[in-house]
């Protein structure tokens, strides 16, 4: 393959778009070179720094639950809970602390598209860090609960925007064969930061004063401060630069990120140009509301549902509300157990990418979800016997840890893979925006509802809530069986063909095998 940029420009946009499939087909072969010839240290550095952007979300999501269980924190922002007679937040205040800030993430996610189109990936993510720093500082020095909640919402805008931008950068700076692993690496950073957050709060939980929660918040302030200078020295995404017509800078940055020759850099840049033109042509005049027309509705429903359905799987008890939940069921050391819970998530995040790629989407989804359903019902059944028994309380806690491993490796691992594969190519940007926005909306609802159902002074259901989540998992499994197809190894044209033919999700493998067999027979007949 010998594509020169000048030759590409002479072809013009129309011919380039027509030729893109053939060129991209060649690029698959081109991308099979040993990674040692492709990857250099600066690319690895760039991936690590940009992947670390999810530290903002991971730390915030995991630090707030143990902080909200600290007596000095509750004493300052609420006082004694009249229903329980202890220093625990009421259901109403839990809603304020955990639910309201999620509105900030919705605003951040929806604004990301406009911001990064104008300022690029690198400077947009740097701006997210500045916004996040302001929000955490407001939390650190909050005089009342209202200021603390406002700080969390402010921080949510920053990390919500970062969550929507960082996957694009990670997928754009690596060769095609590395994209899945590059994007999936974010999950490891997310969960790792959660482990760090819980370890820090466990260490400060013995301090009888405001320092017990101010130290973890101060560490949270340090995360964007450290990331800003490292991000500033990274190269801008070559793909974004090409979309802005800045070809020389795109080539310069791609040269920094590759370990092969100048000629190969020029060839890859030409492919990026062709791909950009084709995507622009395919997505031209695409309207958001096309997601819900008769032709696309099934794909939109499948793409957007998995991420949202995570909210009612039961994981919220062992993540967002983990420390409070462990304290409610009477475990002896909820802060240390929260660390164990976060470590279980980390184990699942490491396993997930390998399992999804090797076993396929449907087996991982159906087997993983079935195991989660069983854990929900067993944990809920044990809770009905009463968690006053320390052995039962510990058993429920251990089940919640096992839940975290399976959930992160299966359900959570698939939640961003499936939307990226089943979305209509023409509507891919709109589909991903809708998926993230709808997920955060359902997160607000679920996070608000759980304290009202589980807390003393409200529903007081406690760990029996697992039975409710078990019922939800039954519905999720049925939905997954009928709606989520096996897309492992399929090209986008093959996926389009399956949807256009109306092939049921559970029959995709057999239908593709039939098509391949027919193709082989036709080839044999042609030879004869």
Protein backbone atom coordinates (compact mmCIF):
# COMPACT_ATOMS: atom_id res chain seq x y z
CA UNK A 1 0.00 0.00 0.00
CA UNK A 2 1.51 3.33 -1.05
CA UNK A 3 -0.78 6.26 -0.40
CA UNK A 4 0.68 9.73 -0.53
CA UNK A 5 -1.15 12.64 1.04
CA UNK A 6 -0.76 14.77 -2.06
CA UNK A 7 -2.29 12.02 -4.22
CA UNK A 8 -5.19 11.78 -1.79
CA UNK A 9 -5.89 15.50 -1.96
CA UNK A 10 -5.90 15.36 -5.78
CA UNK A 11 -8.68 12.74 -5.73
CA UNK A 12 -11.15 15.11 -4.14
CA UNK A 13 -13.74 14.40 -1.47
CA UNK A 14 -16.23 12.46 -3.60
CA UNK A 15 -13.72 9.93 -4.93
CA UNK A 16 -12.11 9.62 -1.52
CA UNK A 17 -15.43 8.70 0.09
CA UNK A 18 -16.14 6.12 -2.63
CA UNK A 19 -12.68 4.61 -2.16
CA UNK A 20 -12.72 4.54 1.65
CA UNK A 21 -13.92 0.95 2.13
CA UNK A 22 -11.12 -0.47 -0.02
CA UNK A 23 -8.50 1.68 1.71
CA UNK A 24 -9.73 0.81 5.18
CA UNK A 25 -9.70 -2.83 4.19
CA UNK A 26 -6.03 -2.45 3.36
CA UNK A 27 -5.43 -0.72 6.69
CA UNK A 28 -6.53 -3.83 8.56
CA UNK A 29 -3.62 -5.71 7.01
CA UNK A 30 -1.38 -2.70 7.54
CA UNK A 31 -2.24 -2.74 11.23
CA UNK A 32 -1.07 -6.34 11.73
CA UNK A 33 2.55 -5.35 12.16
CA UNK A 34 4.19 -6.27 15.47
CA UNK A 35 3.25 -3.74 18.13
CA UNK A 36 6.93 -3.13 18.75
CA UNK A 37 7.05 -1.38 15.38
CA UNK A 38 3.97 0.70 16.13
CA UNK A 39 4.10 1.64 19.80
CA UNK A 40 6.64 4.02 21.30
CA UNK A 41 7.05 5.28 24.84
CA UNK A 42 5.35 8.59 24.12
CA UNK A 43 2.21 6.78 22.95
CA UNK A 44 2.17 4.72 26.14
CA UNK A 45 2.65 7.89 28.18
CA UNK A 46 -0.22 9.61 26.34
CA UNK A 47 -2.55 6.67 26.90
CA UNK A 48 -1.77 6.55 30.60
CA UNK A 49 -2.24 10.29 31.14
CA UNK A 50 -5.50 10.51 29.21
CA UNK A 51 -6.78 7.25 30.68
CA UNK A 52 -6.12 8.75 34.12
CA UNK A 53 -8.84 11.32 33.44
CA UNK A 54 -11.32 8.78 34.84
CA UNK A 55 -9.60 9.14 38.22
CA UNK A 56 -11.88 12.16 38.69
CA UNK A 57 -15.03 10.05 38.48
CA UNK A 58 -13.65 6.97 40.21
CA UNK A 59 -12.35 8.87 43.22
CA UNK A 60 -15.49 11.01 43.60
CA UNK A 61 -17.85 8.05 43.22
CA UNK A 62 -16.06 6.02 45.88
CA UNK A 63 -14.94 8.65 48.38
CA UNK A 64 -18.38 10.10 49.09
CA UNK A 65 -19.92 6.93 50.59
CA UNK A 66 -17.31 6.39 53.34
CA UNK A 67 -17.11 10.13 53.99
CA UNK A 68 -20.89 10.28 54.43
CA UNK A 69 -20.56 7.54 57.08
CA UNK A 70 -17.99 9.48 59.16
CA UNK A 71 -19.41 10.83 62.41
CA UNK A 72 -17.60 14.22 62.22
CA UNK A 73 -18.97 14.76 58.72
CA UNK A 74 -22.55 13.89 59.73
CA UNK A 75 -22.20 15.98 62.89
CA UNK A 76 -21.24 19.07 60.89
CA UNK A 77 -23.73 18.82 58.06
CA UNK A 78 -26.76 17.31 59.80
CA UNK A 79 -26.53 16.17 63.40
CA UNK A 80 -28.19 13.16 65.03
CA UNK A 81 -30.73 11.26 62.93
CA UNK A 82 -33.98 11.42 64.89
CA UNK A 83 -35.21 8.10 63.49
CA UNK A 84 -32.14 6.03 64.38
CA UNK A 85 -30.70 8.10 67.22
CA UNK A 86 -27.24 7.90 65.64
CA UNK A 87 -25.01 10.06 63.48
CA UNK A 88 -26.33 8.81 60.13
CA UNK A 89 -27.80 10.87 57.32
CA UNK A 90 -31.55 10.84 56.80
CA UNK A 91 -32.90 9.48 53.52
CA UNK A 92 -33.58 13.03 52.37
CA UNK A 93 -30.01 14.17 52.97
CA UNK A 94 -28.62 11.03 51.35
CA UNK A 95 -30.63 11.98 48.26
CA UNK A 96 -29.07 15.44 48.32
CA UNK A 97 -25.52 14.12 48.69
CA UNK A 98 -25.71 11.23 46.21
CA UNK A 99 -28.44 12.06 43.68
CA UNK A 100 -28.51 15.81 43.02
CA UNK A 101 -24.82 16.02 41.94
CA UNK A 102 -25.52 13.54 39.13
CA UNK A 103 -27.40 16.32 37.35
CA UNK A 104 -24.00 17.97 36.92
CA UNK A 105 -22.69 14.89 35.10
CA UNK A 106 -25.62 15.05 32.67
CA UNK A 107 -24.84 18.71 31.91
CA UNK A 108 -21.15 17.89 31.46
CA UNK A 109 -21.78 14.92 29.18
CA UNK A 110 -24.18 16.81 26.93
CA UNK A 111 -21.88 19.83 26.66
CA UNK A 112 -18.81 17.75 25.77
CA UNK A 113 -19.62 17.48 22.07
CA UNK A 114 -19.76 21.25 21.50
CA UNK A 115 -16.73 21.99 23.68
CA UNK A 116 -14.37 19.46 22.14
CA UNK A 117 -15.44 20.32 18.60
CA UNK A 118 -14.24 23.86 19.21
CA UNK A 119 -11.24 23.36 21.50
CA UNK A 120 -10.10 19.80 20.71
CA UNK A 121 -9.67 16.80 22.99
CA UNK A 122 -6.58 17.90 24.94
CA UNK A 123 -7.57 21.42 25.94
CA UNK A 124 -11.17 20.41 26.60
CA UNK A 125 -10.06 17.75 29.07
CA UNK A 126 -7.69 20.28 30.67
CA UNK A 127 -10.67 22.59 31.12
CA UNK A 128 -12.55 19.72 32.76
CA UNK A 129 -9.77 19.46 35.34
CA UNK A 130 -10.02 23.18 36.13
CA UNK A 131 -13.80 22.89 36.60
CA UNK A 132 -13.38 19.79 38.76
CA UNK A 133 -10.81 21.54 40.96
CA UNK A 134 -13.23 24.37 41.63
CA UNK A 135 -15.97 21.93 42.63
CA UNK A 136 -13.79 19.95 45.03
CA UNK A 137 -12.46 23.13 46.65
CA UNK A 138 -16.06 24.18 47.30
CA UNK A 139 -16.68 20.80 48.96
CA UNK A 140 -13.52 21.10 51.02
CA UNK A 141 -14.47 24.46 52.50
CA UNK A 142 -18.28 24.07 52.49
CA UNK A 143 -19.98 25.75 55.46
CA UNK A 144 -23.22 23.78 55.14
CA UNK A 145 -24.73 20.80 53.34
CA UNK A 146 -26.06 22.99 50.51
CA UNK A 147 -22.57 24.22 49.65
CA UNK A 148 -21.19 20.68 49.79
CA UNK A 149 -23.89 19.39 47.41
CA UNK A 150 -23.29 22.35 45.08
CA UNK A 151 -19.59 21.49 45.04
CA UNK A 152 -20.35 17.89 44.14
CA UNK A 153 -22.65 19.01 41.29
CA UNK A 154 -19.97 21.45 40.07
CA UNK A 155 -17.39 18.66 40.13
CA UNK A 156 -19.88 16.43 38.29
CA UNK A 157 -19.93 18.84 35.35
CA UNK A 158 -16.16 18.48 35.07
CA UNK A 159 -15.88 14.71 35.25
CA UNK A 160 -19.09 14.16 33.26
CA UNK A 161 -17.55 16.10 30.39
CA UNK A 162 -14.24 14.27 30.79
CA UNK A 163 -15.98 10.89 30.65
CA UNK A 164 -17.41 11.76 27.24
CA UNK A 165 -14.13 13.11 25.81
CA UNK A 166 -11.41 10.72 26.98
CA UNK A 167 -12.67 7.58 25.13
CA UNK A 168 -12.51 9.50 21.85
CA UNK A 169 -8.88 10.53 22.38
CA UNK A 170 -7.85 7.04 23.44
CA UNK A 171 -9.48 5.46 20.38
CA UNK A 172 -8.00 8.04 18.01
CA UNK A 173 -4.31 8.00 18.96
CA UNK A 174 -3.80 4.22 18.71
CA UNK A 175 -3.82 1.83 15.73
CA UNK A 176 -7.15 0.08 15.09
CA UNK A 177 -5.99 -3.21 16.62
CA UNK A 178 -5.38 -1.51 19.98
CA UNK A 179 -8.58 0.53 20.28
CA UNK A 180 -10.57 -1.91 22.39
CA UNK A 181 -7.82 -2.33 24.96
CA UNK A 182 -6.99 1.37 25.00
CA UNK A 183 -10.57 2.41 25.78
CA UNK A 184 -11.13 -0.47 28.21
CA UNK A 185 -8.08 0.62 30.21
CA UNK A 186 -10.16 3.49 31.55
CA UNK A 187 -12.17 1.06 33.67
CA UNK A 188 -9.00 0.01 35.46
CA UNK A 189 -8.12 3.63 36.28
CA UNK A 190 -11.69 4.26 37.45
CA UNK A 191 -11.75 1.33 39.84
CA UNK A 192 -8.15 1.82 40.97
CA UNK A 193 -8.93 5.37 42.04
CA UNK A 194 -11.88 4.00 43.98
CA UNK A 195 -9.60 1.63 45.85
CA UNK A 196 -7.26 4.52 46.67
CA UNK A 197 -10.19 6.63 47.90
CA UNK A 198 -11.48 3.95 50.24
CA UNK A 199 -8.00 3.24 51.62
CA UNK A 200 -7.50 6.93 52.41
CA UNK A 201 -10.86 7.29 54.18
CA UNK A 202 -10.22 4.10 56.14
CA UNK A 203 -6.92 5.59 57.31
CA UNK A 204 -8.54 8.86 58.40
CA UNK A 205 -11.70 7.31 59.89
CA UNK A 206 -10.04 7.02 63.30
CA UNK A 207 -9.45 10.78 63.47
CA UNK A 208 -12.05 12.40 65.68
CA UNK A 209 -12.39 15.71 63.92
CA UNK A 210 -12.97 17.47 60.61
CA UNK A 211 -9.61 16.25 59.31
CA UNK A 212 -11.16 12.78 58.94
CA UNK A 213 -13.05 13.92 55.83
CA UNK A 214 -11.03 16.99 54.82
CA UNK A 215 -7.87 14.95 54.13
CA UNK A 216 -9.60 12.72 51.51
CA UNK A 217 -11.13 15.83 49.91
CA UNK A 218 -7.71 17.49 49.83
CA UNK A 219 -6.30 14.44 48.03
CA UNK A 220 -9.18 14.73 45.56
CA UNK A 221 -8.15 18.33 44.91
CA UNK A 222 -4.64 17.13 44.10
CA UNK A 223 -5.77 14.84 41.25
CA UNK A 224 -6.61 17.57 38.69
CA UNK A 225 -3.64 19.66 39.87
CA UNK A 226 -1.29 16.78 39.00
CA UNK A 227 -3.02 15.90 35.72
CA UNK A 228 -3.16 19.43 34.24
CA UNK A 229 0.59 19.83 33.48
CA UNK A 230 0.94 16.26 32.21
CA UNK A 231 -2.04 16.70 29.89
CA UNK A 232 -0.77 20.04 28.60
CA UNK A 233 2.34 18.42 27.07
CA UNK A 234 0.39 15.71 25.23
CA UNK A 235 -0.16 15.95 21.46
CA UNK A 236 -3.64 16.81 20.25
CA UNK A 237 -5.55 13.97 18.59
CA UNK A 238 -4.44 13.63 14.93
CA UNK A 239 -8.00 12.66 14.01
CA UNK A 240 -9.41 15.87 15.50
CA UNK A 241 -6.72 17.95 13.77
CA UNK A 242 -7.59 16.36 10.42
CA UNK A 243 -11.26 17.19 11.00
CA UNK A 244 -10.19 20.83 11.45
CA UNK A 245 -8.06 20.79 8.28
CA UNK A 246 -4.78 21.14 10.21
CA UNK A 247 -2.90 18.44 8.30
CA UNK A 248 0.68 19.48 9.03
CA UNK A 249 0.10 19.53 12.76
CA UNK A 250 -1.76 16.22 12.51
CA UNK A 251 1.24 14.65 10.79
CA UNK A 252 3.63 16.14 13.37
CA UNK A 253 1.59 14.67 16.25
CA UNK A 254 1.16 11.30 14.58
CA UNK A 255 4.92 11.16 14.07
CA UNK A 256 5.36 11.59 17.85
CA UNK A 257 2.93 8.76 18.59
CA UNK A 258 4.31 6.11 16.23
CA UNK A 259 7.41 3.95 16.20
CA UNK A 260 7.56 3.33 12.48
CA UNK A 261 8.86 5.21 9.43
CA UNK A 262 7.84 8.61 8.02
CA UNK A 263 6.39 6.90 4.96
CA UNK A 264 4.11 4.75 7.11
CA UNK A 265 3.04 7.82 9.08
CA UNK A 266 2.01 9.49 5.81
CA UNK A 267 0.07 6.40 4.79
CA UNK A 268 -1.80 6.25 8.10
CA UNK A 269 -2.55 9.98 7.93
CA UNK A 270 -4.02 9.52 4.45
CA UNK A 271 -6.27 6.79 5.82
CA UNK A 272 -7.38 9.09 8.64
CA UNK A 273 -8.26 11.73 6.04
CA UNK A 274 -10.30 9.28 4.02
CA UNK A 275 -12.07 7.94 7.08
CA UNK A 276 -12.88 11.46 8.25
CA UNK A 277 -14.38 12.38 4.89
CA UNK A 278 -16.41 9.18 4.77
CA UNK A 279 -17.75 9.69 8.29
CA UNK A 280 -18.65 13.27 7.45
CA UNK A 281 -20.52 12.10 4.35
CA UNK A 282 -22.33 9.26 6.14
CA UNK A 283 -23.40 11.46 9.05
CA UNK A 284 -24.45 14.41 6.90
CA UNK A 285 -27.93 15.73 7.81
CA UNK A 286 -28.40 13.02 10.48
CA UNK A 287 -31.08 14.13 12.94
CA UNK A 288 -31.26 13.14 16.60
CA UNK A 289 -34.92 12.10 16.36
CA UNK A 290 -34.04 9.51 13.71
CA UNK A 291 -32.93 7.35 16.65
CA UNK A 292 -36.59 6.67 17.40
CA UNK A 293 -38.04 6.02 13.96
CA UNK A 294 -39.29 2.57 12.97
CA UNK A 295 -36.06 1.64 11.20
CA UNK A 296 -33.68 2.52 14.09
CA UNK A 297 -35.73 2.18 17.29
CA UNK A 298 -34.71 -1.42 18.04
CA UNK A 299 -31.03 -0.59 17.69
CA UNK A 300 -31.40 2.53 19.82
CA UNK A 301 -33.23 0.59 22.53
CA UNK A 302 -30.57 -2.13 22.59
CA UNK A 303 -27.68 0.36 22.58
CA UNK A 304 -29.02 2.58 25.34
CA UNK A 305 -30.52 0.02 27.72
CA UNK A 306 -27.54 -1.93 29.08
CA UNK A 307 -25.79 1.05 30.62
CA UNK A 308 -29.03 2.26 32.22
CA UNK A 309 -30.11 -1.19 33.44
CA UNK A 310 -26.90 -1.40 35.46
CA UNK A 311 -28.57 1.00 37.86
CA UNK A 312 -31.15 -1.59 38.94
CA UNK A 313 -28.86 -4.63 39.08
CA UNK A 314 -28.05 -4.20 42.78
CA UNK A 315 -24.56 -2.80 42.30
CA UNK A 316 -25.55 0.55 43.78
CA UNK A 317 -25.59 -1.04 47.25
CA UNK A 318 -21.99 -2.22 46.93
CA UNK A 319 -20.57 0.87 45.22
CA UNK A 320 -22.28 4.25 45.65
CA UNK A 321 -23.77 3.39 49.05
CA UNK A 322 -21.25 0.70 50.01
CA UNK A 323 -20.02 2.05 53.37
CA UNK A 324 -23.45 3.27 54.46
CA UNK A 325 -24.98 -0.05 53.40
CA UNK A 326 -22.34 -2.11 55.24
CA UNK A 327 -22.89 0.04 58.32
CA UNK A 328 -26.67 -0.41 58.09
CA UNK A 329 -26.48 -4.21 57.98
CA UNK A 330 -24.25 -4.24 61.06
CA UNK A 331 -20.83 -5.35 59.79
CA UNK A 332 -18.05 -4.91 62.31
CA UNK A 333 -15.67 -2.78 60.20
CA UNK A 334 -17.51 -1.13 57.27
CA UNK A 335 -14.56 1.06 56.25
CA UNK A 336 -12.15 -1.86 55.75
CA UNK A 337 -14.85 -3.87 54.04
CA UNK A 338 -15.38 -0.97 51.64
CA UNK A 339 -11.75 -1.37 50.58
CA UNK A 340 -12.38 -5.07 49.93
CA UNK A 341 -15.45 -4.13 47.89
CA UNK A 342 -13.44 -1.71 45.73
CA UNK A 343 -10.66 -4.27 45.23
CA UNK A 344 -13.23 -6.78 43.98
CA UNK A 345 -14.36 -4.23 41.42
CA UNK A 346 -10.76 -3.75 40.32
CA UNK A 347 -10.36 -7.50 39.83
CA UNK A 348 -13.45 -7.57 37.63
CA UNK A 349 -12.26 -4.57 35.62
CA UNK A 350 -8.98 -6.36 34.83
CA UNK A 351 -10.75 -9.59 33.83
CA UNK A 352 -13.52 -7.94 31.80
CA UNK A 353 -11.76 -6.98 28.53
CA UNK A 354 -10.27 -10.46 28.11
CA UNK A 355 -13.55 -12.28 28.86
CA UNK A 356 -15.66 -10.12 26.54
CA UNK A 357 -13.22 -10.56 23.64
CA UNK A 358 -12.72 -14.30 24.07
CA UNK A 359 -16.16 -15.60 25.06
CA UNK A 360 -18.34 -13.18 23.10
CA UNK A 361 -21.05 -10.69 24.04
CA UNK A 362 -24.12 -12.87 24.60
CA UNK A 363 -22.48 -15.63 26.68
CA UNK A 364 -20.80 -13.09 28.96
CA UNK A 365 -24.04 -11.11 29.29
CA UNK A 366 -26.42 -14.03 29.93
CA UNK A 367 -24.12 -16.03 32.21
CA UNK A 368 -22.96 -12.96 34.14
CA UNK A 369 -26.49 -11.61 34.58
CA UNK A 370 -27.79 -14.99 35.74
CA UNK A 371 -25.09 -15.15 38.41
CA UNK A 372 -25.94 -11.61 39.53
CA UNK A 373 -29.62 -12.54 39.79
CA UNK A 374 -28.78 -15.55 41.97
CA UNK A 375 -26.60 -13.41 44.26
CA UNK A 376 -29.40 -10.83 44.57
CA UNK A 377 -31.94 -13.43 45.65
CA UNK A 378 -29.56 -15.25 48.03
CA UNK A 379 -28.41 -12.01 49.69
CA UNK A 380 -31.99 -10.76 49.97
CA UNK A 381 -33.12 -14.10 51.39
CA UNK A 382 -30.38 -14.03 54.04
CA UNK A 383 -31.35 -10.47 54.96
CA UNK A 384 -34.92 -11.63 55.61
CA UNK A 385 -33.55 -13.80 58.42
CA UNK A 386 -32.16 -10.67 60.05
CA UNK A 387 -28.76 -9.05 59.76
CA UNK A 388 -28.54 -8.67 63.54
CA UNK A 389 -26.71 -11.97 63.33
CA UNK A 390 -23.08 -11.06 62.61
CA UNK A 391 -22.56 -14.19 60.51
CA UNK A 392 -25.50 -13.32 58.26
CA UNK A 393 -24.32 -9.71 57.96
CA UNK A 394 -20.85 -10.90 56.94
CA UNK A 395 -22.34 -13.38 54.44
CA UNK A 396 -24.36 -10.59 52.81
CA UNK A 397 -21.22 -8.44 52.65
CA UNK A 398 -19.21 -11.25 51.01
CA UNK A 399 -21.98 -11.80 48.46
CA UNK A 400 -21.88 -8.09 47.64
CA UNK A 401 -18.12 -8.38 47.01
CA UNK A 402 -18.65 -11.36 44.68
CA UNK A 403 -21.35 -9.34 42.96
CA UNK A 404 -18.82 -6.59 42.29
CA UNK A 405 -16.36 -8.94 40.56
CA UNK A 406 -18.98 -10.52 38.29
CA UNK A 407 -20.74 -7.23 37.56
CA UNK A 408 -17.58 -5.39 36.54
CA UNK A 409 -16.33 -8.28 34.38
CA UNK A 410 -19.64 -8.84 32.58
CA UNK A 411 -22.52 -6.38 32.82
CA UNK A 412 -20.44 -3.23 33.25
CA UNK A 413 -17.82 -4.40 30.76
CA UNK A 414 -20.44 -4.80 28.02
CA UNK A 415 -22.31 -1.58 28.69
CA UNK A 416 -20.10 0.57 26.44
CA UNK A 417 -19.04 -2.17 24.00
CA UNK A 418 -22.56 -3.07 22.81
CA UNK A 419 -23.68 0.53 22.07
CA UNK A 420 -20.57 1.17 19.99
CA UNK A 421 -21.26 -1.93 17.89
CA UNK A 422 -25.03 -2.03 17.36
CA UNK A 423 -25.51 1.69 16.72
CA UNK A 424 -26.39 2.77 13.19
CA UNK A 425 -23.14 4.15 11.72
CA UNK A 426 -24.93 7.26 10.47
CA UNK A 427 -26.30 7.96 13.96
CA UNK A 428 -23.36 6.77 16.08
CA UNK A 429 -22.59 10.14 17.69
CA UNK A 430 -26.26 10.74 18.52
CA UNK A 431 -26.60 7.18 19.85
CA UNK A 432 -23.67 7.51 22.25
CA UNK A 433 -24.85 10.90 23.50
CA UNK A 434 -28.33 9.53 24.13
CA UNK A 435 -26.90 6.42 25.84
CA UNK A 436 -24.78 8.40 28.30
CA UNK A 437 -27.51 11.00 28.93
CA UNK A 438 -30.18 8.38 29.54
CA UNK A 439 -27.86 6.43 31.84
CA UNK A 440 -27.19 9.46 34.01
CA UNK A 441 -30.89 10.28 34.11
CA UNK A 442 -31.76 6.81 35.38
CA UNK A 443 -28.84 7.07 37.82
CA UNK A 444 -30.43 10.17 39.36
CA UNK A 445 -33.73 8.33 39.77
CA UNK A 446 -32.18 5.18 41.25
CA UNK A 447 -29.76 6.97 43.54
CA UNK A 448 -32.64 9.06 44.84
CA UNK A 449 -34.96 6.09 45.34
CA UNK A 450 -32.62 3.67 47.14
CA UNK A 451 -32.26 5.66 50.42
CA UNK A 452 -36.02 6.13 50.53
CA UNK A 453 -36.45 2.36 50.41
CA UNK A 454 -33.52 1.12 52.51
CA UNK A 455 -32.89 3.73 55.22
CA UNK A 456 -34.21 3.77 58.77
CA UNK A 457 -36.92 6.42 59.03
CA UNK A 458 -37.95 5.70 55.44
CA UNK A 459 -38.70 2.30 53.90
CA UNK A 460 -36.22 0.58 56.25
CA UNK A 461 -35.86 -2.35 53.83
CA UNK A 462 -32.07 -2.53 54.23
CA UNK A 463 -30.41 -5.51 52.56
CA UNK A 464 -33.83 -6.95 51.69
CA UNK A 465 -33.63 -4.50 48.78
CA UNK A 466 -31.58 -7.19 47.03
CA UNK A 467 -34.83 -9.09 46.44
CA UNK A 468 -36.17 -6.12 44.49
CA UNK A 469 -32.99 -5.97 42.42
CA UNK A 470 -33.23 -9.74 41.85
CA UNK A 471 -36.67 -9.22 40.31
CA UNK A 472 -35.21 -6.49 38.12
CA UNK A 473 -32.45 -8.85 36.98
CA UNK A 474 -35.05 -11.39 35.82
CA UNK A 475 -36.50 -8.73 33.51
CA UNK A 476 -33.00 -7.69 32.36
CA UNK A 477 -32.09 -11.28 31.45
CA UNK A 478 -35.27 -11.66 29.38
CA UNK A 479 -34.58 -8.35 27.63
CA UNK A 480 -30.97 -9.34 26.92
CA UNK A 481 -31.95 -12.71 25.47
CA UNK A 482 -34.37 -11.18 22.98
CA UNK A 483 -32.59 -7.90 22.21
CA UNK A 484 -28.79 -8.20 22.54
CA UNK A 485 -27.16 -9.99 19.57
CA UNK A 486 -23.73 -11.61 19.33
CA UNK A 487 -21.55 -9.02 17.59
CA UNK A 488 -18.12 -10.47 18.33
CA UNK A 489 -15.97 -10.34 15.20
CA UNK A 490 -18.70 -8.85 12.99
CA UNK A 491 -18.12 -5.93 10.68
CA UNK A 492 -20.49 -2.98 10.68
CA UNK A 493 -21.94 -4.02 7.27
CA UNK A 494 -22.71 -7.49 8.68
CA UNK A 495 -24.44 -5.96 11.69
CA UNK A 496 -26.46 -3.69 9.40
CA UNK A 497 -27.47 -6.68 7.28
CA UNK A 498 -28.72 -8.63 10.30
CA UNK A 499 -30.87 -5.72 11.44
CA UNK A 500 -32.17 -5.02 7.94
CA UNK A 501 -33.22 -8.67 7.56
CA UNK A 502 -34.92 -8.59 10.97
CA UNK A 503 -32.96 -11.61 12.23
CA UNK A 504 -33.80 -12.27 15.93
CA UNK A 505 -30.91 -11.57 18.30
CA UNK A 506 -30.60 -15.21 19.38
CA UNK A 507 -30.25 -16.43 15.78
CA UNK A 508 -27.44 -14.18 14.52
CA UNK A 509 -24.74 -16.85 14.77
CA UNK A 510 -26.77 -19.50 12.93
CA UNK A 511 -27.82 -17.00 10.24
CA UNK A 512 -24.24 -15.90 9.63
CA UNK A 513 -23.10 -19.52 9.45
CA UNK A 514 -25.80 -20.20 6.87
CA UNK A 515 -24.72 -17.20 4.79
CA UNK A 516 -21.07 -18.27 4.96
CA UNK A 517 -21.95 -21.84 3.93
CA UNK A 518 -23.96 -20.56 0.99
CA UNK A 519 -21.02 -18.39 -0.03
CA UNK A 520 -18.67 -21.37 0.08
CA UNK A 521 -21.09 -23.47 -2.01
CA UNK A 522 -21.42 -20.70 -4.59
CA UNK A 523 -17.63 -20.47 -4.78
CA UNK A 524 -17.32 -24.22 -5.28
CA UNK A 525 -19.95 -24.16 -8.05
CA UNK A 526 -18.14 -21.30 -9.76
CA UNK A 527 -14.91 -23.32 -9.76
CA UNK A 528 -16.68 -26.31 -11.29
